[in-house]
Protein backbone atom coordinates (compact mmCIF):
# COMPACT_ATOMS: atom_id res chain seq x y z
CA MET A 1 -25.12 -14.91 16.59
CA LEU A 2 -28.32 -16.93 16.56
CA LYS A 3 -29.02 -16.07 20.19
CA GLN A 4 -28.68 -12.35 19.38
CA ASP A 5 -31.06 -12.66 16.40
CA ILE A 6 -33.62 -14.38 18.59
CA LEU A 7 -33.27 -11.64 21.21
CA GLN A 8 -33.73 -8.89 18.62
CA THR A 9 -36.83 -10.57 17.21
CA LEU A 10 -38.30 -11.01 20.67
CA GLN A 11 -37.46 -7.42 21.63
CA LYS A 12 -39.21 -6.17 18.51
CA HIS A 13 -42.41 -8.01 19.46
CA LEU A 14 -42.30 -7.96 23.26
CA GLY A 15 -40.30 -4.86 24.13
CA ALA A 16 -37.27 -4.82 26.43
CA ILE A 17 -36.08 -8.23 27.67
CA ASP A 18 -33.93 -8.90 30.70
CA THR A 19 -31.04 -10.90 29.21
CA GLN A 20 -29.93 -12.06 32.67
CA SER A 21 -32.98 -14.29 32.87
CA LEU A 22 -31.97 -16.00 29.63
CA ASP A 23 -29.08 -17.83 31.29
CA MET A 24 -31.35 -20.86 31.33
CA LEU A 25 -30.96 -21.00 27.53
CA ASP A 26 -27.21 -21.60 27.81
CA THR A 27 -27.37 -25.26 26.85
CA GLN A 28 -23.65 -25.65 26.18
CA HIS A 29 -22.83 -24.63 29.75
CA LYS A 30 -25.50 -26.98 31.09
CA ALA A 31 -24.25 -29.82 28.89
CA HIS A 32 -20.73 -29.24 30.22
CA LYS A 33 -21.99 -29.33 33.82
CA ILE A 34 -23.90 -32.55 33.17
CA GLU A 35 -20.85 -34.13 31.50
CA LYS A 36 -18.62 -33.12 34.43
CA PHE A 37 -21.15 -34.49 36.93
CA ASN A 38 -21.41 -37.73 34.94
CA HIS A 39 -17.60 -38.08 34.91
CA GLU A 40 -17.38 -37.46 38.68
CA ILE A 41 -20.12 -40.00 39.45
CA LYS A 42 -18.51 -42.60 37.16
CA GLY A 43 -15.18 -42.15 38.96
CA ILE A 44 -16.86 -42.40 42.35
CA ASN A 45 -18.75 -45.51 41.26
CA GLU A 46 -15.51 -47.18 40.12
CA SER A 47 -13.87 -46.21 43.43
CA ILE A 48 -16.73 -47.78 45.36
CA GLY A 49 -16.27 -50.98 43.34
CA ALA A 50 -12.53 -51.04 44.13
CA LEU A 51 -13.15 -50.39 47.83
CA GLN A 52 -15.78 -53.13 48.03
CA THR A 53 -13.47 -55.58 46.25
CA LEU A 54 -10.67 -54.74 48.69
CA GLN A 55 -13.09 -55.05 51.60
CA ILE A 56 -14.17 -58.54 50.50
CA ALA A 57 -10.53 -59.62 50.05
CA CYS A 58 -9.64 -58.44 53.57
CA GLN A 59 -12.66 -60.24 55.01
CA LYS A 60 -11.77 -63.48 53.19
CA ILE A 61 -8.19 -63.36 54.47
CA LEU A 62 -9.44 -62.82 58.01
CA LYS A 63 -11.71 -65.88 57.66
CA LEU A 64 -8.88 -68.19 56.60
CA GLU A 65 -8.40 -70.98 59.12
CA SER A 66 -4.63 -70.93 58.72
CA LEU A 67 -2.75 -67.93 57.46
CA SER A 68 -0.52 -69.89 55.10
CA VAL A 69 1.44 -68.02 52.49
CA ASP A 70 -0.23 -70.00 49.67
CA GLY A 71 -3.78 -69.26 50.83
CA VAL A 72 -3.10 -65.57 51.40
CA GLN A 73 -1.17 -65.24 48.14
CA GLU A 74 -4.10 -66.60 46.14
CA LEU A 75 -6.50 -64.06 47.70
CA VAL A 76 -4.04 -61.18 47.27
CA GLN A 77 -3.58 -62.01 43.58
CA LYS A 78 -7.35 -62.12 43.06
CA ALA A 79 -7.82 -58.74 44.78
CA GLN A 80 -7.88 -56.71 41.59
CA PHE A 81 -10.21 -54.12 40.16
CA MET A 82 -10.19 -53.38 36.45
CA GLY A 83 -6.88 -55.24 36.15
CA LYS A 84 -5.09 -53.30 38.90
CA ALA A 85 -3.86 -54.84 42.15
CA LEU A 86 -5.55 -53.36 45.22
CA PHE A 87 -3.01 -54.27 47.88
CA ASN A 88 0.13 -52.10 48.14
CA SER A 89 -1.36 -49.49 45.84
CA THR A 90 -2.89 -46.14 46.67
CA LEU A 91 -6.56 -45.68 45.84
CA SER A 92 -7.15 -42.00 45.11
CA ILE A 93 -10.80 -40.95 45.05
CA ASN A 94 -11.74 -37.52 43.72
CA LEU A 95 -14.79 -36.16 45.57
CA GLY A 96 -14.86 -32.82 43.78
CA GLU A 97 -13.72 -30.53 46.60
CA SER A 98 -11.36 -33.07 48.16
CA VAL A 99 -9.35 -36.17 47.38
CA LEU A 100 -9.61 -39.27 49.53
CA GLU A 101 -6.62 -41.63 49.56
CA LEU A 102 -6.42 -45.14 50.94
CA ASN A 103 -3.55 -47.62 50.93
CA ALA A 104 -3.92 -51.21 52.14
CA PRO A 105 -0.62 -52.97 52.85
CA SER A 106 -0.04 -56.35 51.28
CA PRO A 107 -0.87 -59.23 53.63
CA LEU A 108 2.02 -61.19 52.07
CA ASP A 109 4.52 -58.54 53.17
CA LEU A 110 2.95 -58.49 56.62
CA LEU A 111 3.21 -62.29 56.91
CA SER A 112 6.87 -62.23 55.96
CA THR A 113 7.70 -59.54 58.53
CA GLY A 114 5.73 -61.24 61.30
CA ALA A 115 3.42 -58.25 61.80
CA ASP A 116 -0.01 -58.67 63.41
CA LEU A 117 -1.87 -59.41 60.17
CA LYS A 118 -5.34 -59.60 61.71
CA ALA A 119 -5.02 -56.25 63.48
CA ILE A 120 -3.73 -54.51 60.36
CA LEU A 121 -6.49 -56.02 58.20
CA GLN A 122 -9.10 -54.92 60.78
CA GLU A 123 -7.64 -51.41 60.58
CA SER A 124 -7.82 -51.53 56.78
CA LEU A 125 -11.45 -52.63 56.98
CA ALA A 126 -12.22 -49.69 59.29
CA GLN A 127 -10.52 -47.29 56.84
CA ILE A 128 -12.50 -48.77 53.94
CA LYS A 129 -15.77 -48.38 55.86
CA GLN A 130 -14.90 -44.75 56.69
CA ALA A 131 -14.02 -44.07 53.05
CA LEU A 132 -17.35 -45.55 51.87
CA ASN A 133 -19.22 -43.38 54.41
CA THR A 134 -17.34 -40.27 53.25
CA ILE A 135 -18.19 -41.06 49.63
CA GLN A 136 -21.83 -41.62 50.55
CA GLU A 137 -22.05 -38.23 52.27
CA SER A 138 -20.29 -36.51 49.37
CA VAL A 139 -22.59 -38.03 46.76
CA SER A 140 -25.70 -37.14 48.74
CA GLN A 141 -24.68 -33.47 48.63
CA LYS A 142 -23.85 -33.29 44.92
CA GLN A 143 -26.03 -31.18 42.65
CA VAL A 144 -25.68 -30.50 38.96
CA PHE A 145 -27.63 -27.26 39.03
CA LYS A 146 -28.21 -25.01 41.99
CA LYS A 147 -31.90 -24.21 41.77
CA PRO A 148 -33.91 -22.59 44.52
CA PRO A 149 -36.89 -24.68 45.59
CA THR A 150 -40.36 -23.62 44.50
CA LEU A 151 -43.79 -24.59 45.68
CA ASN A 152 -43.86 -27.31 43.02
CA THR A 153 -40.45 -28.75 43.94
CA PRO A 154 -40.88 -32.19 45.49
CA SER A 155 -39.25 -32.46 48.88
CA PHE A 156 -36.52 -34.96 49.55
CA ASN A 157 -34.84 -35.45 52.90
CA LYS A 158 -31.35 -36.81 52.24
CA ASP A 159 -30.71 -37.19 55.99
CA ALA A 160 -33.57 -39.68 56.19
CA LEU A 161 -32.02 -41.63 53.29
CA LEU A 162 -28.59 -41.61 54.94
CA ASP A 163 -30.12 -42.86 58.21
CA LEU A 164 -31.94 -45.60 56.31
CA MET A 165 -28.74 -46.69 54.53
CA LYS A 166 -26.72 -46.68 57.77
CA SER A 167 -29.26 -48.87 59.56
CA SER A 168 -29.27 -51.53 56.86
């Protein structure tokens, strides 16, 4: 109602107004988009934390001098993120258009079955690295508002940033 009153007042003083151009005044829609973007980024940030914690746990297990059950068990028990175990659980990461899933088998189960623990942990590390790269690419392409560039829009080359992050 208030929006209509404002339009009528402006029309009285300025003449006909193109209401299509007033979409920029739709603050509720913009607030919803910002909230959704904030929620997505928070989820992605938590997923990155879980992946990095799992990555560190895998690396520590690989560095153990002897793969004793006690030493591996201690590291597996510590491999938690926000109170949830990271081994033998599926990490599901929502990237907006797609969902990325990763499951790292428990090193304790692998030890008890006599599987090649080092090879499987190396594979898990490769999957974690790929997942982090996929998240990085997804985040670099996210936009809250689709706005065409103008002459005053500062330029930003996200490919240069990605190259810089990959080289470090």
